[in-house]
N, C-alpha and C. Protein backbone atom coordinates (compact mmCIF):
# COMPACT_ATOMS: atom_id res chain seq x y z
N MET A 1 41.82 31.18 -30.88
CA MET A 1 40.62 30.86 -31.64
C MET A 1 40.66 29.37 -32.01
N PRO A 2 39.58 28.63 -31.73
CA PRO A 2 39.58 27.19 -32.04
C PRO A 2 39.57 26.96 -33.55
N ARG A 3 40.22 25.88 -33.95
CA ARG A 3 40.27 25.52 -35.36
C ARG A 3 38.93 24.94 -35.80
N LYS A 4 38.55 25.29 -37.00
CA LYS A 4 37.36 24.68 -37.58
C LYS A 4 37.75 23.33 -38.16
N THR A 5 36.98 22.34 -37.85
CA THR A 5 37.27 21.02 -38.40
C THR A 5 36.39 20.78 -39.62
N ALA A 6 36.94 20.05 -40.55
CA ALA A 6 36.17 19.71 -41.76
C ALA A 6 35.03 18.78 -41.36
N PRO A 7 33.88 18.91 -42.04
CA PRO A 7 32.78 18.00 -41.71
C PRO A 7 33.20 16.55 -41.95
N LYS A 8 32.78 15.69 -41.04
CA LYS A 8 33.12 14.28 -41.19
C LYS A 8 32.28 13.69 -42.30
N SER A 9 32.92 12.88 -43.11
CA SER A 9 32.18 12.25 -44.20
C SER A 9 31.91 10.79 -43.82
N LYS A 10 30.76 10.33 -44.26
CA LYS A 10 30.32 8.99 -43.93
C LYS A 10 29.68 8.38 -45.17
N HIS A 11 30.12 7.18 -45.53
CA HIS A 11 29.54 6.47 -46.66
C HIS A 11 28.43 5.56 -46.15
N ILE A 12 27.27 5.65 -46.79
CA ILE A 12 26.11 4.86 -46.39
C ILE A 12 25.57 4.15 -47.62
N HIS A 13 25.26 2.88 -47.47
CA HIS A 13 24.67 2.09 -48.55
C HIS A 13 23.22 1.77 -48.19
N TRP A 14 22.31 2.18 -49.07
CA TRP A 14 20.88 1.99 -48.86
C TRP A 14 20.37 0.97 -49.86
N ASP A 15 19.37 0.20 -49.45
CA ASP A 15 18.66 -0.71 -50.35
C ASP A 15 17.17 -0.36 -50.30
N PHE A 16 16.55 -0.33 -51.47
CA PHE A 16 15.14 0.04 -51.58
C PHE A 16 14.41 -0.94 -52.47
N ARG A 17 13.12 -1.09 -52.22
CA ARG A 17 12.22 -1.82 -53.11
C ARG A 17 11.42 -0.76 -53.86
N VAL A 18 11.40 -0.83 -55.17
CA VAL A 18 10.65 0.15 -55.98
C VAL A 18 9.18 -0.23 -55.91
N ASP A 19 8.35 0.66 -55.37
CA ASP A 19 6.92 0.41 -55.24
C ASP A 19 6.15 0.78 -56.51
N ARG A 20 6.54 1.89 -57.12
CA ARG A 20 5.89 2.31 -58.36
C ARG A 20 6.82 3.30 -59.08
N PHE A 21 6.53 3.53 -60.35
CA PHE A 21 7.30 4.50 -61.11
C PHE A 21 6.40 5.21 -62.10
N ASN A 22 6.78 6.43 -62.44
CA ASN A 22 6.12 7.22 -63.46
C ASN A 22 7.20 7.70 -64.42
N ALA A 23 6.91 7.68 -65.69
CA ALA A 23 7.87 8.12 -66.70
C ALA A 23 7.25 9.20 -67.56
N SER A 24 8.09 10.13 -68.01
CA SER A 24 7.63 11.16 -68.95
C SER A 24 8.75 11.47 -69.93
N VAL A 25 8.33 11.87 -71.13
CA VAL A 25 9.26 12.20 -72.20
C VAL A 25 8.86 13.56 -72.74
N MET A 26 9.84 14.43 -72.99
CA MET A 26 9.55 15.78 -73.46
C MET A 26 10.37 16.10 -74.70
N ALA A 27 9.75 16.78 -75.64
CA ALA A 27 10.43 17.29 -76.82
C ALA A 27 9.89 18.68 -77.08
N GLY A 28 10.76 19.61 -77.45
CA GLY A 28 10.29 20.95 -77.73
C GLY A 28 11.41 21.90 -78.13
N ILE A 29 11.02 23.12 -78.42
CA ILE A 29 11.97 24.18 -78.72
C ILE A 29 12.56 24.66 -77.40
N SER A 30 13.86 24.89 -77.38
CA SER A 30 14.54 25.33 -76.17
C SER A 30 13.98 26.67 -75.69
N SER A 31 13.81 26.82 -74.40
CA SER A 31 13.30 28.08 -73.84
C SER A 31 14.27 29.22 -74.08
N ASP A 32 15.56 28.93 -74.27
CA ASP A 32 16.53 29.99 -74.57
C ASP A 32 16.29 30.59 -75.95
N ILE A 33 15.71 29.83 -76.85
CA ILE A 33 15.46 30.31 -78.20
C ILE A 33 14.19 31.17 -78.25
N LEU A 34 13.27 30.92 -77.36
CA LEU A 34 11.99 31.64 -77.38
C LEU A 34 12.13 33.10 -76.98
N ASN A 35 13.17 33.44 -76.25
CA ASN A 35 13.37 34.83 -75.81
C ASN A 35 14.68 35.35 -76.41
N PRO A 36 14.62 36.31 -77.33
CA PRO A 36 15.84 36.80 -77.99
C PRO A 36 16.89 37.36 -77.01
N ARG A 37 16.47 37.75 -75.84
CA ARG A 37 17.41 38.28 -74.85
C ARG A 37 18.44 37.22 -74.44
N PHE A 38 18.10 35.94 -74.55
CA PHE A 38 18.99 34.87 -74.14
C PHE A 38 19.71 34.20 -75.31
N TRP A 39 19.57 34.75 -76.51
CA TRP A 39 20.20 34.13 -77.67
C TRP A 39 21.71 34.16 -77.57
N ALA A 40 22.31 33.06 -77.92
CA ALA A 40 23.76 32.94 -78.03
C ALA A 40 24.05 31.96 -79.15
N PRO A 41 25.15 32.13 -79.87
CA PRO A 41 25.42 31.27 -81.02
C PRO A 41 25.46 29.77 -80.69
N LYS A 42 25.82 29.39 -79.48
CA LYS A 42 25.95 27.96 -79.15
C LYS A 42 24.69 27.38 -78.49
N ASN A 43 23.61 28.16 -78.41
CA ASN A 43 22.36 27.64 -77.83
C ASN A 43 21.81 26.52 -78.70
N LYS A 44 21.36 25.47 -78.04
CA LYS A 44 20.70 24.39 -78.75
C LYS A 44 19.28 24.83 -79.10
N ILE A 45 18.83 24.44 -80.26
CA ILE A 45 17.49 24.82 -80.72
C ILE A 45 16.42 23.95 -80.06
N TYR A 46 16.69 22.66 -79.92
CA TYR A 46 15.68 21.73 -79.42
C TYR A 46 16.09 21.16 -78.06
N ASN A 47 15.08 20.84 -77.26
CA ASN A 47 15.28 20.14 -75.99
C ASN A 47 14.58 18.80 -76.07
N PHE A 48 15.29 17.75 -75.68
CA PHE A 48 14.73 16.42 -75.59
C PHE A 48 15.19 15.83 -74.27
N TYR A 49 14.26 15.42 -73.44
CA TYR A 49 14.68 14.74 -72.21
C TYR A 49 13.56 13.86 -71.68
N SER A 50 13.97 12.94 -70.82
CA SER A 50 13.05 11.99 -70.20
C SER A 50 13.25 12.04 -68.70
N THR A 51 12.21 11.65 -67.98
CA THR A 51 12.27 11.64 -66.53
C THR A 51 11.58 10.39 -66.02
N ILE A 52 12.17 9.78 -64.98
CA ILE A 52 11.52 8.68 -64.27
C ILE A 52 11.43 9.07 -62.81
N GLU A 53 10.24 8.92 -62.25
CA GLU A 53 10.04 9.14 -60.82
C GLU A 53 9.88 7.76 -60.17
N LEU A 54 10.80 7.43 -59.27
CA LEU A 54 10.79 6.13 -58.60
C LEU A 54 10.37 6.33 -57.15
N THR A 55 9.24 5.78 -56.76
CA THR A 55 8.81 5.81 -55.37
C THR A 55 9.19 4.48 -54.76
N SER A 56 9.98 4.54 -53.69
CA SER A 56 10.54 3.31 -53.15
C SER A 56 10.50 3.31 -51.63
N THR A 57 10.59 2.11 -51.06
CA THR A 57 10.58 1.93 -49.61
C THR A 57 11.93 1.36 -49.19
N CYS A 58 12.49 1.95 -48.15
CA CYS A 58 13.79 1.51 -47.64
C CYS A 58 13.65 0.11 -47.02
N ILE A 59 14.55 -0.80 -47.39
CA ILE A 59 14.56 -2.13 -46.77
C ILE A 59 15.85 -2.38 -45.99
N GLU A 60 16.85 -1.55 -46.22
CA GLU A 60 18.13 -1.70 -45.54
C GLU A 60 18.79 -0.33 -45.46
N PRO A 61 19.31 0.16 -44.41
CA PRO A 61 19.52 -0.46 -43.11
C PRO A 61 18.19 -0.65 -42.36
N GLU A 62 18.15 -1.66 -41.52
CA GLU A 62 16.92 -2.07 -40.85
C GLU A 62 16.32 -0.98 -39.96
N GLU A 63 17.15 -0.14 -39.35
CA GLU A 63 16.61 0.89 -38.45
C GLU A 63 15.80 1.95 -39.22
N LEU A 64 15.98 2.03 -40.53
CA LEU A 64 15.21 2.99 -41.33
C LEU A 64 14.24 2.28 -42.29
N ALA A 65 14.05 1.00 -42.10
CA ALA A 65 13.14 0.25 -42.96
C ALA A 65 11.74 0.85 -42.90
N GLY A 66 11.13 0.96 -44.06
CA GLY A 66 9.79 1.53 -44.14
C GLY A 66 9.77 2.99 -44.54
N ALA A 67 10.90 3.68 -44.46
CA ALA A 67 10.94 5.09 -44.89
C ALA A 67 10.72 5.17 -46.39
N VAL A 68 9.97 6.16 -46.82
CA VAL A 68 9.64 6.32 -48.23
C VAL A 68 10.60 7.33 -48.87
N TYR A 69 11.19 6.94 -49.97
CA TYR A 69 12.08 7.80 -50.73
C TYR A 69 11.54 7.91 -52.15
N THR A 70 11.60 9.09 -52.70
CA THR A 70 11.24 9.31 -54.10
C THR A 70 12.48 9.81 -54.82
N PHE A 71 12.84 9.13 -55.89
CA PHE A 71 14.01 9.53 -56.67
C PHE A 71 13.55 10.00 -58.04
N MET A 72 13.97 11.20 -58.41
CA MET A 72 13.71 11.74 -59.74
C MET A 72 14.98 11.55 -60.55
N VAL A 73 14.88 10.78 -61.63
CA VAL A 73 16.03 10.52 -62.49
C VAL A 73 15.78 11.25 -63.80
N TYR A 74 16.67 12.20 -64.12
CA TYR A 74 16.54 13.03 -65.32
C TYR A 74 17.55 12.55 -66.36
N GLY A 75 17.07 12.25 -67.54
CA GLY A 75 17.94 11.78 -68.60
C GLY A 75 18.03 12.79 -69.72
N TYR A 76 19.02 13.64 -69.66
CA TYR A 76 19.27 14.57 -70.75
C TYR A 76 20.68 15.10 -70.66
N GLU A 77 21.19 15.46 -71.81
CA GLU A 77 22.52 16.06 -71.87
C GLU A 77 22.32 17.55 -71.64
N SER A 78 22.82 18.06 -70.54
CA SER A 78 22.69 19.49 -70.29
C SER A 78 23.96 20.19 -70.71
N ARG A 79 23.90 21.48 -70.77
CA ARG A 79 25.10 22.23 -71.15
C ARG A 79 26.09 22.29 -70.00
N PHE A 80 25.69 21.86 -68.80
CA PHE A 80 26.56 21.92 -67.64
C PHE A 80 27.28 20.60 -67.36
N GLU A 81 26.78 19.51 -67.90
CA GLU A 81 27.34 18.20 -67.61
C GLU A 81 27.74 17.52 -68.90
N ASP A 82 28.94 17.00 -68.91
CA ASP A 82 29.41 16.21 -70.04
C ASP A 82 29.70 14.82 -69.51
N PHE A 83 28.85 13.86 -69.83
CA PHE A 83 28.97 12.53 -69.26
C PHE A 83 30.14 11.74 -69.85
N SER A 84 30.78 12.26 -70.89
CA SER A 84 31.95 11.58 -71.44
C SER A 84 33.25 12.25 -70.99
N SER A 85 33.18 13.11 -69.99
CA SER A 85 34.37 13.82 -69.55
C SER A 85 35.35 12.89 -68.85
N VAL A 86 36.61 13.30 -68.80
CA VAL A 86 37.68 12.55 -68.14
C VAL A 86 38.28 13.44 -67.05
N LEU A 87 39.10 12.85 -66.19
CA LEU A 87 39.66 13.59 -65.06
C LEU A 87 40.42 14.84 -65.50
N GLY A 88 41.11 14.76 -66.62
CA GLY A 88 41.85 15.91 -67.11
C GLY A 88 40.98 17.13 -67.39
N ASP A 89 39.69 16.91 -67.63
CA ASP A 89 38.77 18.02 -67.86
C ASP A 89 38.50 18.80 -66.58
N TYR A 90 38.87 18.24 -65.43
CA TYR A 90 38.59 18.87 -64.14
C TYR A 90 39.85 19.37 -63.46
N ALA A 91 40.83 19.78 -64.25
CA ALA A 91 42.04 20.35 -63.67
C ALA A 91 41.69 21.66 -62.97
N ALA A 92 42.19 21.83 -61.74
CA ALA A 92 41.93 23.06 -60.99
C ALA A 92 42.69 24.21 -61.65
N ARG A 93 42.08 25.37 -61.67
CA ARG A 93 42.70 26.54 -62.29
C ARG A 93 42.75 27.69 -61.30
N ASN A 94 43.78 28.50 -61.42
CA ASN A 94 43.90 29.67 -60.54
C ASN A 94 43.09 30.82 -61.13
N LYS A 95 43.19 31.99 -60.50
CA LYS A 95 42.37 33.13 -60.94
C LYS A 95 42.71 33.62 -62.34
N ASP A 96 43.92 33.26 -62.83
CA ASP A 96 44.33 33.65 -64.18
C ASP A 96 43.97 32.60 -65.23
N GLY A 97 43.42 31.48 -64.79
CA GLY A 97 43.03 30.42 -65.71
C GLY A 97 44.11 29.40 -65.98
N SER A 98 45.23 29.49 -65.29
CA SER A 98 46.31 28.52 -65.47
C SER A 98 46.07 27.29 -64.61
N VAL A 99 46.53 26.15 -65.10
CA VAL A 99 46.38 24.90 -64.35
C VAL A 99 47.21 24.98 -63.07
N MET A 100 46.64 24.52 -61.97
CA MET A 100 47.33 24.56 -60.68
C MET A 100 48.10 23.25 -60.47
N TYR A 101 49.26 23.37 -59.80
CA TYR A 101 50.10 22.22 -59.49
C TYR A 101 50.40 22.21 -58.01
N ARG A 102 50.75 21.04 -57.48
CA ARG A 102 51.21 20.92 -56.10
C ARG A 102 52.43 20.02 -56.09
N LYS A 103 53.24 20.16 -55.06
CA LYS A 103 54.45 19.35 -54.91
C LYS A 103 54.13 18.11 -54.09
N VAL A 104 54.47 16.94 -54.62
CA VAL A 104 54.32 15.68 -53.91
C VAL A 104 55.65 14.95 -54.02
N ARG A 105 56.33 14.83 -52.89
CA ARG A 105 57.65 14.18 -52.84
C ARG A 105 58.62 14.78 -53.85
N GLY A 106 58.57 16.09 -53.95
CA GLY A 106 59.49 16.79 -54.83
C GLY A 106 59.07 16.86 -56.28
N LEU A 107 57.96 16.21 -56.66
CA LEU A 107 57.48 16.23 -58.04
C LEU A 107 56.22 17.07 -58.14
N SER A 108 56.04 17.73 -59.28
CA SER A 108 54.84 18.54 -59.51
C SER A 108 53.72 17.67 -60.06
N GLU A 109 52.56 17.79 -59.46
CA GLU A 109 51.37 17.08 -59.93
C GLU A 109 50.25 18.08 -60.14
N GLU A 110 49.41 17.81 -61.16
CA GLU A 110 48.25 18.66 -61.37
C GLU A 110 47.26 18.47 -60.23
N VAL A 111 46.51 19.52 -59.93
CA VAL A 111 45.45 19.46 -58.93
C VAL A 111 44.13 19.34 -59.69
N TYR A 112 43.28 18.41 -59.23
CA TYR A 112 42.00 18.18 -59.90
C TYR A 112 40.84 18.49 -58.96
N GLU A 113 39.73 18.92 -59.55
CA GLU A 113 38.49 19.17 -58.81
C GLU A 113 37.36 18.43 -59.52
N PRO A 114 37.30 17.10 -59.36
CA PRO A 114 36.25 16.32 -60.05
C PRO A 114 34.88 16.56 -59.41
N PRO A 115 33.82 16.20 -60.10
CA PRO A 115 32.47 16.34 -59.53
C PRO A 115 32.36 15.53 -58.24
N LYS A 116 31.56 16.01 -57.30
CA LYS A 116 31.42 15.34 -56.02
C LYS A 116 30.28 14.33 -56.01
N ASP A 117 29.37 14.41 -56.97
CA ASP A 117 28.18 13.56 -56.91
C ASP A 117 27.51 13.46 -58.26
N ILE A 118 26.50 12.60 -58.32
CA ILE A 118 25.62 12.56 -59.49
C ILE A 118 24.22 13.02 -59.11
N GLY A 119 24.01 13.30 -57.82
CA GLY A 119 22.71 13.76 -57.36
C GLY A 119 22.72 14.06 -55.88
N LEU A 120 21.60 14.55 -55.39
CA LEU A 120 21.45 14.94 -53.99
C LEU A 120 20.20 14.31 -53.38
N ILE A 121 20.20 14.20 -52.05
CA ILE A 121 19.03 13.73 -51.31
C ILE A 121 18.64 14.81 -50.32
N ASP A 122 17.36 15.14 -50.27
CA ASP A 122 16.82 16.13 -49.33
C ASP A 122 15.60 15.56 -48.65
N ARG A 123 15.34 16.05 -47.45
CA ARG A 123 14.16 15.61 -46.71
C ARG A 123 12.99 16.53 -47.02
N ASN A 124 11.82 15.95 -47.23
CA ASN A 124 10.60 16.74 -47.35
C ASN A 124 10.23 17.17 -45.95
N MET A 125 10.29 18.45 -45.70
CA MET A 125 10.10 18.98 -44.35
C MET A 125 8.75 18.57 -43.76
N GLY A 126 8.79 18.12 -42.52
CA GLY A 126 7.58 17.76 -41.79
C GLY A 126 7.02 16.40 -42.13
N LYS A 127 7.69 15.65 -42.98
CA LYS A 127 7.19 14.34 -43.37
C LYS A 127 8.30 13.32 -43.16
N ARG A 128 7.93 12.06 -43.19
CA ARG A 128 8.93 11.01 -43.06
C ARG A 128 9.28 10.45 -44.44
N ASN A 129 9.38 11.33 -45.41
CA ASN A 129 9.86 10.84 -46.70
C ASN A 129 10.95 11.77 -47.24
N TRP A 130 11.73 11.23 -48.13
CA TRP A 130 12.90 11.90 -48.66
C TRP A 130 12.79 11.98 -50.18
N MET A 131 13.50 12.94 -50.75
CA MET A 131 13.49 13.16 -52.19
C MET A 131 14.93 13.18 -52.68
N GLY A 132 15.22 12.36 -53.68
CA GLY A 132 16.53 12.36 -54.31
C GLY A 132 16.39 12.73 -55.77
N SER A 133 17.38 13.41 -56.30
CA SER A 133 17.36 13.74 -57.73
C SER A 133 18.75 13.51 -58.30
N LEU A 134 18.77 12.98 -59.51
CA LEU A 134 20.05 12.77 -60.17
C LEU A 134 19.89 12.87 -61.67
N HIS A 135 21.00 13.23 -62.32
CA HIS A 135 21.04 13.39 -63.77
C HIS A 135 21.91 12.30 -64.35
N VAL A 136 21.39 11.63 -65.37
CA VAL A 136 22.11 10.53 -66.01
C VAL A 136 22.02 10.71 -67.53
N PRO A 137 22.90 10.04 -68.28
CA PRO A 137 22.78 10.11 -69.74
C PRO A 137 21.47 9.48 -70.20
N PRO A 138 20.91 9.97 -71.29
CA PRO A 138 19.63 9.44 -71.78
C PRO A 138 19.65 7.94 -72.05
N THR A 139 20.78 7.41 -72.49
CA THR A 139 20.84 5.97 -72.76
C THR A 139 20.66 5.16 -71.48
N LEU A 140 21.20 5.64 -70.37
CA LEU A 140 21.04 4.93 -69.10
C LEU A 140 19.58 4.98 -68.64
N LEU A 141 18.92 6.10 -68.86
CA LEU A 141 17.52 6.21 -68.49
C LEU A 141 16.68 5.21 -69.30
N ASN A 142 17.01 5.03 -70.56
CA ASN A 142 16.31 4.03 -71.39
C ASN A 142 16.51 2.63 -70.83
N ASP A 143 17.74 2.33 -70.41
CA ASP A 143 18.01 1.02 -69.81
C ASP A 143 17.21 0.83 -68.52
N MET A 144 17.07 1.89 -67.74
CA MET A 144 16.29 1.82 -66.50
C MET A 144 14.83 1.49 -66.80
N LEU A 145 14.29 2.08 -67.85
CA LEU A 145 12.90 1.79 -68.23
C LEU A 145 12.72 0.33 -68.62
N VAL A 146 13.71 -0.23 -69.28
CA VAL A 146 13.64 -1.65 -69.66
C VAL A 146 13.60 -2.51 -68.41
N VAL A 147 14.46 -2.20 -67.43
CA VAL A 147 14.48 -2.97 -66.18
C VAL A 147 13.15 -2.83 -65.45
N LEU A 148 12.61 -1.63 -65.37
CA LEU A 148 11.37 -1.39 -64.63
C LEU A 148 10.17 -2.08 -65.25
N THR A 149 10.12 -2.16 -66.57
CA THR A 149 8.95 -2.76 -67.21
C THR A 149 9.08 -4.27 -67.36
N GLY A 150 10.29 -4.81 -67.14
CA GLY A 150 10.51 -6.23 -67.34
C GLY A 150 10.18 -7.10 -66.14
N VAL A 151 10.51 -6.65 -64.95
CA VAL A 151 10.39 -7.50 -63.76
C VAL A 151 9.80 -6.67 -62.62
N SER A 152 8.99 -7.33 -61.81
CA SER A 152 8.45 -6.66 -60.64
C SER A 152 8.66 -7.57 -59.44
N PRO A 153 9.15 -7.14 -58.33
CA PRO A 153 9.58 -5.77 -58.06
C PRO A 153 11.02 -5.55 -58.51
N ALA A 154 11.38 -4.28 -58.66
CA ALA A 154 12.76 -3.89 -58.93
C ALA A 154 13.33 -3.32 -57.64
N TYR A 155 14.64 -3.27 -57.56
CA TYR A 155 15.31 -2.80 -56.35
C TYR A 155 16.34 -1.74 -56.70
N LEU A 156 16.54 -0.83 -55.75
CA LEU A 156 17.55 0.23 -55.88
C LEU A 156 18.61 0.03 -54.82
N CYS A 157 19.84 0.28 -55.20
CA CYS A 157 20.94 0.35 -54.24
C CYS A 157 21.56 1.73 -54.43
N VAL A 158 21.61 2.50 -53.35
CA VAL A 158 22.11 3.87 -53.42
C VAL A 158 23.32 3.99 -52.51
N HIS A 159 24.40 4.53 -53.07
CA HIS A 159 25.61 4.81 -52.29
C HIS A 159 25.60 6.31 -52.01
N GLU A 160 25.48 6.64 -50.74
CA GLU A 160 25.37 8.04 -50.31
C GLU A 160 26.65 8.45 -49.59
N LEU A 161 27.08 9.68 -49.84
CA LEU A 161 28.18 10.27 -49.10
C LEU A 161 27.60 11.43 -48.30
N ARG A 162 27.67 11.31 -46.99
CA ARG A 162 27.12 12.34 -46.11
C ARG A 162 28.29 13.15 -45.55
N GLU A 163 28.30 14.44 -45.83
CA GLU A 163 29.29 15.37 -45.29
C GLU A 163 28.55 16.49 -44.58
N GLY A 164 28.63 16.49 -43.26
CA GLY A 164 27.86 17.47 -42.50
C GLY A 164 26.38 17.24 -42.75
N ARG A 165 25.70 18.27 -43.24
CA ARG A 165 24.27 18.15 -43.53
C ARG A 165 23.98 17.83 -44.99
N GLU A 166 25.01 17.78 -45.82
CA GLU A 166 24.82 17.47 -47.23
C GLU A 166 24.77 15.97 -47.44
N ARG A 167 23.84 15.54 -48.27
CA ARG A 167 23.70 14.13 -48.61
C ARG A 167 23.82 14.01 -50.12
N ARG A 168 24.90 13.40 -50.57
CA ARG A 168 25.22 13.30 -51.99
C ARG A 168 25.09 11.86 -52.48
N ILE A 169 24.51 11.70 -53.66
CA ILE A 169 24.42 10.38 -54.28
C ILE A 169 25.68 10.21 -55.12
N ILE A 170 26.48 9.19 -54.80
CA ILE A 170 27.68 8.93 -55.60
C ILE A 170 27.58 7.59 -56.34
N GLY A 171 26.55 6.83 -56.06
CA GLY A 171 26.31 5.58 -56.77
C GLY A 171 24.83 5.26 -56.75
N PHE A 172 24.31 4.73 -57.87
CA PHE A 172 22.87 4.47 -58.00
C PHE A 172 22.71 3.25 -58.90
N THR A 173 22.16 2.17 -58.36
CA THR A 173 21.98 0.93 -59.12
C THR A 173 20.52 0.52 -59.10
N LEU A 174 19.97 0.25 -60.26
CA LEU A 174 18.62 -0.30 -60.40
C LEU A 174 18.79 -1.74 -60.85
N GLN A 175 18.19 -2.69 -60.11
CA GLN A 175 18.41 -4.10 -60.42
C GLN A 175 17.16 -4.90 -60.19
N THR A 176 17.15 -6.13 -60.73
CA THR A 176 16.01 -7.01 -60.57
C THR A 176 16.19 -7.98 -59.42
N LYS A 177 17.41 -8.17 -58.96
CA LYS A 177 17.70 -9.10 -57.89
C LYS A 177 17.63 -8.37 -56.55
N GLU A 178 17.00 -9.02 -55.56
CA GLU A 178 16.92 -8.42 -54.25
C GLU A 178 18.32 -8.31 -53.65
N PRO A 179 18.68 -7.13 -53.10
CA PRO A 179 20.02 -6.95 -52.55
C PRO A 179 20.27 -7.91 -51.38
N ASP A 180 21.52 -8.31 -51.22
CA ASP A 180 21.91 -9.23 -50.13
C ASP A 180 21.95 -8.52 -48.80
């Protein structure tokens, strides 16, 4: 039986010119609170979050110049993501919940499973445009709004990790200077 090979990973750096943006801010009672079936003692009562939709045109790499990408940037602290976490928070655990170790040159080291990305990129089927989404802390989203309203045009630099058919965003920069 032939061995399965791991998908090859490829790092790609994209540069975009931001053509337009839309921003929205939401405040309200958490949907978990509205239905008693989902009540739990640690549920947050209120939801506050902001969103920026960035419509941009690819300028680099040149073979894809002109492709339209839309990035949805969500700024809220969710119960699934802790933006102040450290590597130790991602120690791998076995089925019993104990921290896993591996031997490296005769010494035991902890095994870690850190997050793989801050967002994903998907293609809108049948069209020549792409959609990316990522979650960031609310303070970073506020900084992005300052950059977007201060200078025109703004530029995006996206660091993508492609593994097989998955396209992961591992770096995202919004700047006023045109990328080199």
